Amino acid sequence: MKPMTRIDDNFSTSPQIDAEDLIDIKAAGFKSVICNRPDSEDGGHHPNHDFLASEASKLGLEFSYLPVVPGQINDSHVVQFKTLMNELPGPTLGYCRLELRSKALYERSR
């Protein structure tokens, strides 16, 4: 399992996850996952969100895709993230390449 950073009781972050990580994410008590990494980032050399969403669904995890290009978080992203956090069952794990976008979105949405 990838290392996770606990932000608070309802939100943690992680670097890029793989399908195998979803079992551990579920076992750790998470109910939802938010992907903040665009599928095309790094030439797509990581699992795309559709595949991970399908695998998450098989485990009973909610999965949402809110891609953000590094260094380009805007108010619309923050509003969308806040809406997801209000609607998804928690606790929630947000991930991107290095956790930074997921952490920044959470901080700005509070």
PDB file of N, CA and C in Angstrom:
ATOM      1  N   MET A   1       0.841  -1.181   0.000  1.00  0.00           N
ATOM      2  CA  MET A   1       0.000   0.000   0.000  1.00  0.00           C
ATOM      3  C   MET A   1       0.884   1.242   0.000  1.00  0.00           C
ATOM      4  N   LYS A   2       0.443   2.248  -0.753  1.00  0.00           N
ATOM      5  CA  LYS A   2       1.181   3.501  -0.805  1.00  0.00           C
ATOM      6  C   LYS A   2       1.072   4.213   0.546  1.00  0.00           C
ATOM      7  N   PRO A   3       2.066   5.024   0.891  1.00  0.00           N
ATOM      8  CA  PRO A   3       1.960   5.786   2.140  1.00  0.00           C
ATOM      9  C   PRO A   3       0.820   6.799   2.041  1.00  0.00           C
ATOM     10  N   MET A   4       0.110   6.972   3.139  1.00  0.00           N
ATOM     11  CA  MET A   4      -0.990   7.933   3.180  1.00  0.00           C
ATOM     12  C   MET A   4      -0.687   8.988   4.230  1.00  0.00           C
ATOM     13  N   THR A   5      -1.161  10.194   3.960  1.00  0.00           N
ATOM     14  CA  THR A   5      -1.035  11.283   4.912  1.00  0.00           C
ATOM     15  C   THR A   5      -2.422  11.606   5.442  1.00  0.00           C
ATOM     16  N   ARG A   6      -2.617  11.425   6.732  1.00  0.00           N
ATOM     17  CA  ARG A   6      -3.904  11.735   7.351  1.00  0.00           C
ATOM     18  C   ARG A   6      -3.980  13.238   7.583  1.00  0.00           C
ATOM     19  N   ILE A   7      -4.976  13.879   6.978  1.00  0.00           N
ATOM     20  CA  ILE A   7      -5.173  15.315   7.153  1.00  0.00           C
ATOM     21  C   ILE A   7      -6.093  15.552   8.350  1.00  0.00           C
ATOM     22  N   ASP A   8      -7.193  14.811   8.406  1.00  0.00           N
ATOM     23  CA  ASP A   8      -8.097  14.827   9.556  1.00  0.00           C
ATOM     24  C   ASP A   8      -8.898  13.528   9.537  1.00  0.00           C
ATOM     25  N   ASP A   9      -9.909  13.430  10.391  1.00  0.00           N
ATOM     26  CA  ASP A   9     -10.666  12.173  10.494  1.00  0.00           C
ATOM     27  C   ASP A   9     -11.393  11.793   9.210  1.00  0.00           C
ATOM     28  N   ASN A  10     -11.660  12.773   8.344  1.00  0.00           N
ATOM     29  CA  ASN A  10     -12.463  12.508   7.156  1.00  0.00           C
ATOM     30  C   ASN A  10     -11.674  12.534   5.846  1.00  0.00           C
ATOM     31  N   PHE A  11     -10.403  12.937   5.886  1.00  0.00           N
ATOM     32  CA  PHE A  11      -9.660  13.067   4.632  1.00  0.00           C
ATOM     33  C   PHE A  11      -8.191  12.734   4.814  1.00  0.00           C
ATOM     34  N   SER A  12      -7.688  11.939   3.879  1.00  0.00           N
ATOM     35  CA  SER A  12      -6.265  11.608   3.797  1.00  0.00           C
ATOM     36  C   SER A  12      -5.845  11.720   2.341  1.00  0.00           C
ATOM     37  N   THR A  13      -4.538  11.788   2.121  1.00  0.00           N
ATOM     38  CA  THR A  13      -4.020  11.874   0.760  1.00  0.00           C
ATOM     39  C   THR A  13      -2.990  10.775   0.528  1.00  0.00           C
ATOM     40  N   SER A  14      -2.747  10.536  -0.752  1.00  0.00           N
ATOM     41  CA  SER A  14      -1.794   9.512  -1.152  1.00  0.00           C
ATOM     42  C   SER A  14      -1.211   9.899  -2.503  1.00  0.00           C
ATOM     43  N   PRO A  15       0.024   9.439  -2.781  1.00  0.00           N
ATOM     44  CA  PRO A  15       0.499   9.558  -4.159  1.00  0.00           C
ATOM     45  C   PRO A  15      -0.272   8.574  -5.034  1.00  0.00           C
ATOM     46  N   GLN A  16       0.023   8.552  -6.312  1.00  0.00           N
ATOM     47  CA  GLN A  16      -0.662   7.694  -7.286  1.00  0.00           C
ATOM     48  C   GLN A  16      -0.913   6.293  -6.733  1.00  0.00           C
ATOM     49  N   ILE A  17      -2.145   5.825  -6.885  1.00  0.00           N
ATOM     50  CA  ILE A  17      -2.497   4.476  -6.445  1.00  0.00           C
ATOM     51  C   ILE A  17      -2.611   3.538  -7.648  1.00  0.00           C
ATOM     52  N   ASP A  18      -2.567   2.252  -7.356  1.00  0.00           N
ATOM     53  CA  ASP A  18      -2.790   1.198  -8.343  1.00  0.00           C
ATOM     54  C   ASP A  18      -4.023   0.411  -7.917  1.00  0.00           C
ATOM     55  N   ALA A  19      -4.510  -0.443  -8.797  1.00  0.00           N
ATOM     56  CA  ALA A  19      -5.692  -1.250  -8.479  1.00  0.00           C
ATOM     57  C   ALA A  19      -5.468  -2.092  -7.223  1.00  0.00           C
ATOM     58  N   GLU A  20      -4.262  -2.607  -7.048  1.00  0.00           N
ATOM     59  CA  GLU A  20      -3.962  -3.435  -5.880  1.00  0.00           C
ATOM     60  C   GLU A  20      -4.097  -2.646  -4.583  1.00  0.00           C
ATOM     61  N   ASP A  21      -3.842  -1.344  -4.640  1.00  0.00           N
ATOM     62  CA  ASP A  21      -3.939  -0.501  -3.445  1.00  0.00           C
ATOM     63  C   ASP A  21      -5.374  -0.350  -2.962  1.00  0.00           C
ATOM     64  N   LEU A  22      -6.332  -0.517  -3.858  1.00  0.00           N
ATOM     65  CA  LEU A  22      -7.734  -0.309  -3.486  1.00  0.00           C
ATOM     66  C   LEU A  22      -8.193  -1.268  -2.392  1.00  0.00           C
ATOM     67  N   ILE A  23      -7.676  -2.475  -2.383  1.00  0.00           N
ATOM     68  CA  ILE A  23      -8.027  -3.437  -1.331  1.00  0.00           C
ATOM     69  C   ILE A  23      -7.573  -2.903   0.023  1.00  0.00           C
ATOM     70  N   ASP A  24      -6.345  -2.382   0.078  1.00  0.00           N
ATOM     71  CA  ASP A  24      -5.824  -1.822   1.323  1.00  0.00           C
ATOM     72  C   ASP A  24      -6.562  -0.547   1.717  1.00  0.00           C
ATOM     73  N   ILE A  25      -6.938   0.244   0.726  1.00  0.00           N
ATOM     74  CA  ILE A  25      -7.687   1.477   0.989  1.00  0.00           C
ATOM     75  C   ILE A  25      -9.029   1.131   1.626  1.00  0.00           C
ATOM     76  N   LYS A  26      -9.696   0.149   1.080  1.00  0.00           N
ATOM     77  CA  LYS A  26     -10.971  -0.321   1.643  1.00  0.00           C
ATOM     78  C   LYS A  26     -10.754  -0.862   3.060  1.00  0.00           C
ATOM     79  N   ALA A  27      -9.724  -1.680   3.239  1.00  0.00           N
ATOM     80  CA  ALA A  27      -9.440  -2.275   4.552  1.00  0.00           C
ATOM     81  C   ALA A  27      -9.100  -1.216   5.598  1.00  0.00           C
ATOM     82  N   ALA A  28      -8.537  -0.091   5.152  1.00  0.00           N
ATOM     83  CA  ALA A  28      -8.199   0.999   6.074  1.00  0.00           C
ATOM     84  C   ALA A  28      -9.428   1.802   6.488  1.00  0.00           C
ATOM     85  N   GLY A  29     -10.587   1.474   5.912  1.00  0.00           N
ATOM     86  CA  GLY A  29     -11.826   2.122   6.329  1.00  0.00           C
ATOM     87  C   GLY A  29     -12.323   3.237   5.440  1.00  0.00           C
ATOM     88  N   PHE A  30     -11.631   3.483   4.327  1.00  0.00           N
ATOM     89  CA  PHE A  30     -12.089   4.539   3.426  1.00  0.00           C
ATOM     90  C   PHE A  30     -13.351   4.100   2.702  1.00  0.00           C
ATOM     91  N   LYS A  31     -14.220   5.066   2.445  1.00  0.00           N
ATOM     92  CA  LYS A  31     -15.469   4.807   1.728  1.00  0.00           C
ATOM     93  C   LYS A  31     -15.437   5.396   0.324  1.00  0.00           C
ATOM     94  N   SER A  32     -14.558   6.395   0.115  1.00  0.00           N
ATOM     95  CA  SER A  32     -14.513   7.115  -1.162  1.00  0.00           C
ATOM     96  C   SER A  32     -13.082   7.445  -1.549  1.00  0.00           C
ATOM     97  N   VAL A  33     -12.879   7.574  -2.864  1.00  0.00           N
ATOM     98  CA  VAL A  33     -11.585   7.953  -3.427  1.00  0.00           C
ATOM     99  C   VAL A  33     -11.828   9.070  -4.434  1.00  0.00           C
ATOM    100  N   ILE A  34     -10.989  10.113  -4.373  1.00  0.00           N
ATOM    101  CA  ILE A  34     -11.032  11.193  -5.361  1.00  0.00           C
ATOM    102  C   ILE A  34      -9.694  11.215  -6.091  1.00  0.00           C
ATOM    103  N   CYS A  35      -9.747  11.079  -7.411  1.00  0.00           N
ATOM    104  CA  CYS A  35      -8.557  11.154  -8.254  1.00  0.00           C
ATOM    105  C   CYS A  35      -8.395  12.586  -8.744  1.00  0.00           C
ATOM    106  N   ASN A  36      -7.266  13.211  -8.422  1.00  0.00           N
ATOM    107  CA  ASN A  36      -6.977  14.568  -8.879  1.00  0.00           C
ATOM    108  C   ASN A  36      -5.893  14.595  -9.950  1.00  0.00           C
ATOM    109  N   ARG A  37      -5.558  13.450 -10.497  1.00  0.00           N
ATOM    110  CA  ARG A  37      -4.505  13.365 -11.508  1.00  0.00           C
ATOM    111  C   ARG A  37      -5.112  13.137 -12.884  1.00  0.00           C
ATOM    112  N   PRO A  38      -4.835  14.037 -13.843  1.00  0.00           N
ATOM    113  CA  PRO A  38      -5.332  13.824 -15.207  1.00  0.00           C
ATOM    114  C   PRO A  38      -4.786  12.517 -15.791  1.00  0.00           C
ATOM    115  N   ASP A  39      -5.624  11.816 -16.523  1.00  0.00           N
ATOM    116  CA  ASP A  39      -5.194  10.556 -17.136  1.00  0.00           C
ATOM    117  C   ASP A  39      -4.008  10.746 -18.073  1.00  0.00           C
ATOM    118  N   SER A  40      -3.914  11.908 -18.709  1.00  0.00           N
ATOM    119  CA  SER A  40      -2.866  12.156 -19.700  1.00  0.00           C
ATOM    120  C   SER A  40      -1.530  12.579 -19.085  1.00  0.00           C
ATOM    121  N   GLU A  41      -1.499  12.829 -17.787  1.00  0.00           N
ATOM    122  CA  GLU A  41      -0.264  13.275 -17.137  1.00  0.00           C
ATOM    123  C   GLU A  41       0.825  12.209 -17.279  1.00  0.00           C
ATOM    124  N   ASP A  42       2.037  12.632 -17.497  1.00  0.00           N
ATOM    125  CA  ASP A  42       3.173  11.722 -17.688  1.00  0.00           C
ATOM    126  C   ASP A  42       2.945  10.755 -18.842  1.00  0.00           C
ATOM    127  N   GLY A  43       2.224  11.204 -19.849  1.00  0.00           N
ATOM    128  CA  GLY A  43       1.972  10.361 -21.004  1.00  0.00           C
ATOM    129  C   GLY A  43       1.058   9.180 -20.716  1.00  0.00           C
ATOM    130  N   GLY A  44       0.343   9.260 -19.603  1.00  0.00           N
ATOM    131  CA  GLY A  44      -0.591   8.193 -19.266  1.00  0.00           C
ATOM    132  C   GLY A  44       0.069   6.922 -18.763  1.00  0.00           C
ATOM    133  N   HIS A  45       1.256   7.041 -18.183  1.00  0.00           N
ATOM    134  CA  HIS A  45       1.981   5.868 -17.679  1.00  0.00           C
ATOM    135  C   HIS A  45       1.557   5.507 -16.259  1.00  0.00           C
ATOM    136  N   HIS A  46       0.286   5.593 -16.003  1.00  0.00           N
ATOM    137  CA  HIS A  46      -0.291   5.200 -14.712  1.00  0.00           C
ATOM    138  C   HIS A  46      -1.723   4.738 -14.984  1.00  0.00           C
ATOM    139  N   PRO A  47      -2.323   4.000 -14.068  1.00  0.00           N
ATOM    140  CA  PRO A  47      -3.688   3.511 -14.316  1.00  0.00           C
ATOM    141  C   PRO A  47      -4.657   4.672 -14.518  1.00  0.00           C
ATOM    142  N   ASN A  48      -5.490   4.594 -15.558  1.00  0.00           N
ATOM    143  CA  ASN A  48      -6.432   5.695 -15.773  1.00  0.00           C
ATOM    144  C   ASN A  48      -7.604   5.589 -14.809  1.00  0.00           C
ATOM    145  N   HIS A  49      -8.303   6.691 -14.678  1.00  0.00           N
ATOM    146  CA  HIS A  49      -9.354   6.763 -13.660  1.00  0.00           C
ATOM    147  C   HIS A  49     -10.513   5.817 -13.950  1.00  0.00           C
ATOM    148  N   ASP A  50     -10.834   5.583 -15.221  1.00  0.00           N
ATOM    149  CA  ASP A  50     -11.941   4.669 -15.534  1.00  0.00           C
ATOM    150  C   ASP A  50     -11.657   3.255 -15.021  1.00  0.00           C
ATOM    151  N   PHE A  51     -10.438   2.802 -15.219  1.00  0.00           N
ATOM    152  CA  PHE A  51     -10.054   1.477 -14.734  1.00  0.00           C
ATOM    153  C   PHE A  51     -10.128   1.420 -13.214  1.00  0.00           C
ATOM    154  N   LEU A  52      -9.550   2.428 -12.546  1.00  0.00           N
ATOM    155  CA  LEU A  52      -9.565   2.432 -11.084  1.00  0.00           C
ATOM    156  C   LEU A  52     -10.984   2.577 -10.540  1.00  0.00           C
ATOM    157  N   ALA A  53     -11.815   3.367 -11.212  1.00  0.00           N
ATOM    158  CA  ALA A  53     -13.210   3.518 -10.778  1.00  0.00           C
ATOM    159  C   ALA A  53     -13.941   2.183 -10.860  1.00  0.00           C
ATOM    160  N   SER A  54     -13.696   1.440 -11.922  1.00  0.00           N
ATOM    161  CA  SER A  54     -14.321   0.127 -12.085  1.00  0.00           C
ATOM    162  C   SER A  54     -13.880  -0.832 -10.982  1.00  0.00           C
ATOM    163  N   GLU A  55     -12.591  -0.840 -10.704  1.00  0.00           N
ATOM    164  CA  GLU A  55     -12.063  -1.714  -9.655  1.00  0.00           C
ATOM    165  C   GLU A  55     -12.573  -1.286  -8.280  1.00  0.00           C
ATOM    166  N   ALA A  56     -12.649   0.018  -8.039  1.00  0.00           N
ATOM    167  CA  ALA A  56     -13.160   0.531  -6.759  1.00  0.00           C
ATOM    168  C   ALA A  56     -14.612   0.124  -6.560  1.00  0.00           C
ATOM    169  N   SER A  57     -15.392   0.212  -7.618  1.00  0.00           N
ATOM    170  CA  SER A  57     -16.809  -0.147  -7.552  1.00  0.00           C
ATOM    171  C   SER A  57     -16.996  -1.607  -7.134  1.00  0.00           C
ATOM    172  N   LYS A  58     -16.141  -2.474  -7.629  1.00  0.00           N
ATOM    173  CA  LYS A  58     -16.214  -3.898  -7.269  1.00  0.00           C
ATOM    174  C   LYS A  58     -16.020  -4.115  -5.771  1.00  0.00           C
ATOM    175  N   LEU A  59     -15.309  -3.175  -5.134  1.00  0.00           N
ATOM    176  CA  LEU A  59     -15.036  -3.272  -3.700  1.00  0.00           C
ATOM    177  C   LEU A  59     -16.031  -2.468  -2.860  1.00  0.00           C
ATOM    178  N   GLY A  60     -16.968  -1.806  -3.529  1.00  0.00           N
ATOM    179  CA  GLY A  60     -17.936  -0.992  -2.802  1.00  0.00           C
ATOM    180  C   GLY A  60     -17.430   0.388  -2.435  1.00  0.00           C
ATOM    181  N   LEU A  61     -16.363   0.837  -3.091  1.00  0.00           N
ATOM    182  CA  LEU A  61     -15.824   2.178  -2.865  1.00  0.00           C
ATOM    183  C   LEU A  61     -16.408   3.156  -3.875  1.00  0.00           C
ATOM    184  N   GLU A  62     -16.769   4.339  -3.414  1.00  0.00           N
ATOM    185  CA  GLU A  62     -17.145   5.420  -4.321  1.00  0.00           C
ATOM    186  C   GLU A  62     -15.864   5.957  -4.949  1.00  0.00           C
ATOM    187  N   PHE A  63     -15.935   6.419  -6.199  1.00  0.00           N
ATOM    188  CA  PHE A  63     -14.754   6.933  -6.887  1.00  0.00           C
ATOM    189  C   PHE A  63     -15.166   8.131  -7.721  1.00  0.00           C
ATOM    190  N   SER A  64     -14.462   9.245  -7.547  1.00  0.00           N
ATOM    191  CA  SER A  64     -14.740  10.459  -8.324  1.00  0.00           C
ATOM    192  C   SER A  64     -13.463  10.947  -8.989  1.00  0.00           C
ATOM    193  N   TYR A  65     -13.639  11.563 -10.148  1.00  0.00           N
ATOM    194  CA  TYR A  65     -12.516  12.064 -10.950  1.00  0.00           C
ATOM    195  C   TYR A  65     -12.618  13.574 -11.054  1.00  0.00           C
ATOM    196  N   LEU A  66     -11.657  14.270 -10.471  1.00  0.00           N
ATOM    197  CA  LEU A  66     -11.566  15.725 -10.551  1.00  0.00           C
ATOM    198  C   LEU A  66     -10.120  16.062 -10.915  1.00  0.00           C
ATOM    199  N   PRO A  67      -9.785  15.950 -12.218  1.00  0.00           N
ATOM    200  CA  PRO A  67      -8.401  16.155 -12.632  1.00  0.00           C
ATOM    201  C   PRO A  67      -7.982  17.618 -12.547  1.00  0.00           C
ATOM    202  N   VAL A  68      -6.759  17.813 -12.053  1.00  0.00           N
ATOM    203  CA  VAL A  68      -6.195  19.153 -11.930  1.00  0.00           C
ATOM    204  C   VAL A  68      -4.761  19.106 -12.447  1.00  0.00           C
ATOM    205  N   VAL A  69      -4.449  19.994 -13.378  1.00  0.00           N
ATOM    206  CA  VAL A  69      -3.087  20.106 -13.898  1.00  0.00           C
ATOM    207  C   VAL A  69      -2.216  20.738 -12.808  1.00  0.00           C
ATOM    208  N   PRO A  70      -1.001  20.215 -12.586  1.00  0.00           N
ATOM    209  CA  PRO A  70      -0.142  20.783 -11.545  1.00  0.00           C
ATOM    210  C   PRO A  70       0.010  22.299 -11.688  1.00  0.00           C
ATOM    211  N   GLY A  71      -0.140  22.986 -10.569  1.00  0.00           N
ATOM    212  CA  GLY A  71       0.018  24.435 -10.536  1.00  0.00           C
ATOM    213  C   GLY A  71      -1.146  25.216 -11.109  1.00  0.00           C
ATOM    214  N   GLN A  72      -2.259  24.547 -11.427  1.00  0.00           N
ATOM    215  CA  GLN A  72      -3.380  25.240 -12.061  1.00  0.00           C
ATOM    216  C   GLN A  72      -4.705  25.043 -11.319  1.00  0.00           C
ATOM    217  N   ILE A  73      -4.652  24.923 -10.001  1.00  0.00           N
ATOM    218  CA  ILE A  73      -5.891  24.837  -9.227  1.00  0.00           C
ATOM    219  C   ILE A  73      -6.598  26.180  -9.314  1.00  0.00           C
ATOM    220  N   ASN A  74      -7.895  26.135  -9.653  1.00  0.00           N
ATOM    221  CA  ASN A  74      -8.668  27.377  -9.715  1.00  0.00           C
ATOM    222  C   ASN A  74      -9.899  27.256  -8.821  1.00  0.00           C
ATOM    223  N   ASP A  75     -10.660  28.354  -8.732  1.00  0.00           N
ATOM    224  CA  ASP A  75     -11.825  28.381  -7.847  1.00  0.00           C
ATOM    225  C   ASP A  75     -12.857  27.328  -8.225  1.00  0.00           C
ATOM    226  N   SER A  76     -13.004  27.049  -9.506  1.00  0.00           N
ATOM    227  CA  SER A  76     -13.950  26.024  -9.945  1.00  0.00           C
ATOM    228  C   SER A  76     -13.564  24.652  -9.399  1.00  0.00           C
ATOM    229  N   HIS A  77     -12.277  24.331  -9.434  1.00  0.00           N
ATOM    230  CA  HIS A  77     -11.809  23.062  -8.871  1.00  0.00           C
ATOM    231  C   HIS A  77     -12.139  22.975  -7.387  1.00  0.00           C
ATOM    232  N   VAL A  78     -11.910  24.080  -6.686  1.00  0.00           N
ATOM    233  CA  VAL A  78     -12.144  24.106  -5.238  1.00  0.00           C
ATOM    234  C   VAL A  78     -13.621  23.888  -4.929  1.00  0.00           C
ATOM    235  N   VAL A  79     -14.492  24.551  -5.680  1.00  0.00           N
ATOM    236  CA  VAL A  79     -15.938  24.392  -5.474  1.00  0.00           C
ATOM    237  C   VAL A  79     -16.354  22.950  -5.766  1.00  0.00           C
ATOM    238  N   GLN A  80     -15.854  22.389  -6.863  1.00  0.00           N
ATOM    239  CA  GLN A  80     -16.187  21.003  -7.203  1.00  0.00           C
ATOM    240  C   GLN A  80     -15.683  20.028  -6.137  1.00  0.00           C
ATOM    241  N   PHE A  81     -14.490  20.289  -5.632  1.00  0.00           N
ATOM    242  CA  PHE A  81     -13.925  19.431  -4.597  1.00  0.00           C
ATOM    243  C   PHE A  81     -14.766  19.509  -3.324  1.00  0.00           C
ATOM    244  N   LYS A  82     -15.134  20.711  -2.949  1.00  0.00           N
ATOM    245  CA  LYS A  82     -15.956  20.892  -1.746  1.00  0.00           C
ATOM    246  C   LYS A  82     -17.289  20.161  -1.895  1.00  0.00           C
ATOM    247  N   THR A  83     -17.884  20.240  -3.072  1.00  0.00           N
ATOM    248  CA  THR A  83     -19.139  19.529  -3.331  1.00  0.00           C
ATOM    249  C   THR A  83     -18.944  18.022  -3.175  1.00  0.00           C
ATOM    250  N   LEU A  84     -17.870  17.494  -3.748  1.00  0.00           N
ATOM    251  CA  LEU A  84     -17.591  16.062  -3.609  1.00  0.00           C
ATOM    252  C   LEU A  84     -17.427  15.672  -2.146  1.00  0.00           C
ATOM    253  N   MET A  85     -16.691  16.475  -1.398  1.00  0.00           N
ATOM    254  CA  MET A  85     -16.471  16.158   0.011  1.00  0.00           C
ATOM    255  C   MET A  85     -17.781  16.177   0.797  1.00  0.00           C
ATOM    256  N   ASN A  86     -18.705  17.027   0.397  1.00  0.00           N
ATOM    257  CA  ASN A  86     -20.002  17.091   1.077  1.00  0.00           C
ATOM    258  C   ASN A  86     -20.920  15.944   0.675  1.00  0.00           C
ATOM    259  N   GLU A  87     -20.742  15.413  -0.528  1.00  0.00           N
ATOM    260  CA  GLU A  87     -21.654  14.391  -1.047  1.00  0.00           C
ATOM    261  C   GLU A  87     -21.150  12.957  -0.874  1.00  0.00           C
ATOM    262  N   LEU A  88     -19.853  12.755  -0.932  1.00  0.00           N
ATOM    263  CA  LEU A  88     -19.306  11.400  -0.838  1.00  0.00           C
ATOM    264  C   LEU A  88     -19.299  10.908   0.606  1.00  0.00           C
ATOM    265  N   PRO A  89     -19.514   9.607   0.789  1.00  0.00           N
ATOM    266  CA  PRO A  89     -19.376   9.072   2.143  1.00  0.00           C
ATOM    267  C   PRO A  89     -17.905   9.098   2.562  1.00  0.00           C
ATOM    268  N   GLY A  90     -17.661   9.417   3.793  1.00  0.00           N
ATOM    269  CA  GLY A  90     -16.296   9.476   4.292  1.00  0.00           C
ATOM    270  C   GLY A  90     -16.002   8.283   5.185  1.00  0.00           C
ATOM    271  N   PRO A  91     -14.752   8.121   5.488  1.00  0.00           N
ATOM    272  CA  PRO A  91     -13.637   8.976   5.106  1.00  0.00           C
ATOM    273  C   PRO A  91     -13.249   8.806   3.631  1.00  0.00           C
ATOM    274  N   THR A  92     -12.577   9.833   3.132  1.00  0.00           N
ATOM    275  CA  THR A  92     -12.208   9.921   1.721  1.00  0.00           C
ATOM    276  C   THR A  92     -10.693   9.978   1.575  1.00  0.00           C
ATOM    277  N   LEU A  93     -10.190   9.312   0.539  1.00  0.00           N
ATOM    278  CA  LEU A  93      -8.780   9.386   0.173  1.00  0.00           C
ATOM    279  C   LEU A  93      -8.668  10.141  -1.136  1.00  0.00           C
ATOM    280  N   GLY A  94      -7.886  11.216  -1.153  1.00  0.00           N
ATOM    281  CA  GLY A  94      -7.598  11.946  -2.381  1.00  0.00           C
ATOM    282  C   GLY A  94      -6.192  11.600  -2.846  1.00  0.00           C
ATOM    283  N   TYR A  95      -6.019  11.441  -4.152  1.00  0.00           N
ATOM    284  CA  TYR A  95      -4.674  11.139  -4.636  1.00  0.00           C
ATOM    285  C   TYR A  95      -4.372  11.884  -5.930  1.00  0.00           C
ATOM    286  N   CYS A  96      -3.083  12.087  -6.133  1.00  0.00           N
ATOM    287  CA  CYS A  96      -2.529  12.615  -7.375  1.00  0.00           C
ATOM    288  C   CYS A  96      -1.096  12.084  -7.438  1.00  0.00           C
ATOM    289  N   ARG A  97      -0.272  12.647  -8.254  1.00  0.00           N
ATOM    290  CA  ARG A  97       1.081  12.096  -8.401  1.00  0.00           C
ATOM    291  C   ARG A  97       1.871  12.144  -7.094  1.00  0.00           C
ATOM    292  N   LEU A  98       1.870  13.307  -6.438  1.00  0.00           N
ATOM    293  CA  LEU A  98       2.684  13.485  -5.226  1.00  0.00           C
ATOM    294  C   LEU A  98       1.878  13.921  -4.005  1.00  0.00           C
ATOM    295  N   GLU A  99       0.573  13.865  -4.059  1.00  0.00           N
ATOM    296  CA  GLU A  99      -0.331  14.269  -2.975  1.00  0.00           C
ATOM    297  C   GLU A  99      -0.571  15.777  -2.901  1.00  0.00           C
ATOM    298  N   LEU A 100       0.243  16.580  -3.548  1.00  0.00           N
ATOM    299  CA  LEU A 100       0.200  18.028  -3.344  1.00  0.00           C
ATOM    300  C   LEU A 100      -1.101  18.666  -3.810  1.00  0.00           C
ATOM    301  N   ARG A 101      -1.598  18.287  -4.975  1.00  0.00           N
ATOM    302  CA  ARG A 101      -2.858  18.861  -5.462  1.00  0.00           C
ATOM    303  C   ARG A 101      -4.023  18.472  -4.570  1.00  0.00           C
ATOM    304  N   SER A 102      -4.054  17.218  -4.157  1.00  0.00           N
ATOM    305  CA  SER A 102      -5.143  16.768  -3.286  1.00  0.00           C
ATOM    306  C   SER A 102      -5.117  17.522  -1.959  1.00  0.00           C
ATOM    307  N   LYS A 103      -3.933  17.694  -1.387  1.00  0.00           N
ATOM    308  CA  LYS A 103      -3.810  18.454  -0.136  1.00  0.00           C
ATOM    309  C   LYS A 103      -4.242  19.901  -0.341  1.00  0.00           C
ATOM    310  N   ALA A 104      -3.783  20.516  -1.426  1.00  0.00           N
ATOM    311  CA  ALA A 104      -4.115  21.920  -1.691  1.00  0.00           C
ATOM    312  C   ALA A 104      -5.613  22.106  -1.904  1.00  0.00           C
ATOM    313  N   LEU A 105      -6.243  21.210  -2.635  1.00  0.00           N
ATOM    314  CA  LEU A 105      -7.690  21.307  -2.842  1.00  0.00           C
ATOM    315  C   LEU A 105      -8.433  21.222  -1.520  1.00  0.00           C
ATOM    316  N   TYR A 106      -8.014  20.301  -0.672  1.00  0.00           N
ATOM    317  CA  TYR A 106      -8.680  20.157   0.621  1.00  0.00           C
ATOM    318  C   TYR A 106      -8.503  21.418   1.464  1.00  0.00           C
ATOM    319  N   GLU A 107      -7.284  21.906   1.535  1.00  0.00           N
ATOM    320  CA  GLU A 107      -7.017  23.118   2.325  1.00  0.00           C
ATOM    321  C   GLU A 107      -7.830  24.304   1.818  1.00  0.00           C
ATOM    322  N   ARG A 108      -7.869  24.478   0.511  1.00  0.00           N
ATOM    323  CA  ARG A 108      -8.597  25.629  -0.057  1.00  0.00           C
ATOM    324  C   ARG A 108     -10.109  25.477   0.051  1.00  0.00           C
ATOM    325  N   SER A 109     -10.590  24.250   0.186  1.00  0.00           N
ATOM    326  CA  SER A 109     -12.040  24.035   0.251  1.00  0.00           C
ATOM    327  C   SER A 109     -12.594  24.193   1.663  1.00  0.00           C
ATOM    328  N   ARG A 110     -11.746  24.350   2.639  1.00  0.00           N
ATOM    329  CA  ARG A 110     -12.184  24.446   4.038  1.00  0.00           C
ATOM    330  C   ARG A 110     -12.575  25.842   4.416  1.00  0.00           C
TER     331      ARG A 110
END
